[in-house]
Amino acid sequence: MRLSVVDDPDTAQVHVRAVEYGCYHFRVHRP
């Protein structure tokens, strides 16, 4: 899984969706 949402604009969109679904906890432990 690629959690580098800051490096991938497309993945950033997925991250936005993840936050909307309340899945923000998947990068809480990320720097």
C-alpha atoms as a PDB file:
ATOM      1  CA  MET A   1       0.000   0.000   0.000  1.00  0.00           C
ATOM      2  CA  ARG A   2       1.311   3.432  -0.923  1.00  0.00           C
ATOM      3  CA  LEU A   3       0.745   5.924   1.871  1.00  0.00           C
ATOM      4  CA  SER A   4       2.833   8.644   0.232  1.00  0.00           C
ATOM      5  CA  VAL A   5      -0.186  10.802  -0.456  1.00  0.00           C
ATOM      6  CA  VAL A   6       2.020  13.886  -0.409  1.00  0.00           C
ATOM      7  CA  ASP A   7       4.012  12.541  -3.352  1.00  0.00           C
ATOM      8  CA  ASP A   8       1.091  11.290  -5.408  1.00  0.00           C
ATOM      9  CA  PRO A   9      -1.718  13.736  -6.312  1.00  0.00           C
ATOM     10  CA  ASP A  10      -3.883  10.844  -7.475  1.00  0.00           C
ATOM     11  CA  THR A  11      -3.382   9.007  -4.214  1.00  0.00           C
ATOM     12  CA  ALA A  12      -4.155  12.255  -2.427  1.00  0.00           C
ATOM     13  CA  GLN A  13      -7.668  12.049  -3.846  1.00  0.00           C
ATOM     14  CA  VAL A  14      -7.959   8.545  -2.427  1.00  0.00           C
ATOM     15  CA  HIS A  15      -6.706   9.865   0.900  1.00  0.00           C
ATOM     16  CA  VAL A  16      -9.426  12.505   0.885  1.00  0.00           C
ATOM     17  CA  ARG A  17     -11.986   9.765   0.382  1.00  0.00           C
ATOM     18  CA  ALA A  18     -10.401   7.743   3.167  1.00  0.00           C
ATOM     19  CA  VAL A  19     -10.762  10.682   5.536  1.00  0.00           C
ATOM     20  CA  GLU A  20     -14.393  11.077   4.517  1.00  0.00           C
ATOM     21  CA  TYR A  21     -15.000   7.427   5.363  1.00  0.00           C
ATOM     22  CA  GLY A  22     -13.288   7.894   8.708  1.00  0.00           C
ATOM     23  CA  CYS A  23     -10.233   5.866   7.733  1.00  0.00           C
ATOM     24  CA  TYR A  24      -7.854   8.651   8.655  1.00  0.00           C
ATOM     25  CA  HIS A  25      -6.338   6.420  11.326  1.00  0.00           C
ATOM     26  CA  PHE A  26      -4.306   4.629   8.638  1.00  0.00           C
ATOM     27  CA  ARG A  27      -1.768   7.439   8.580  1.00  0.00           C
ATOM     28  CA  VAL A  28      -1.934   8.579  12.187  1.00  0.00           C
ATOM     29  CA  HIS A  29       1.294   6.717  12.862  1.00  0.00           C
ATOM     30  CA  ARG A  30       2.921   8.261   9.811  1.00  0.00           C
ATOM     31  CA  PRO A  31       5.395  11.172  10.097  1.00  0.00           C
END
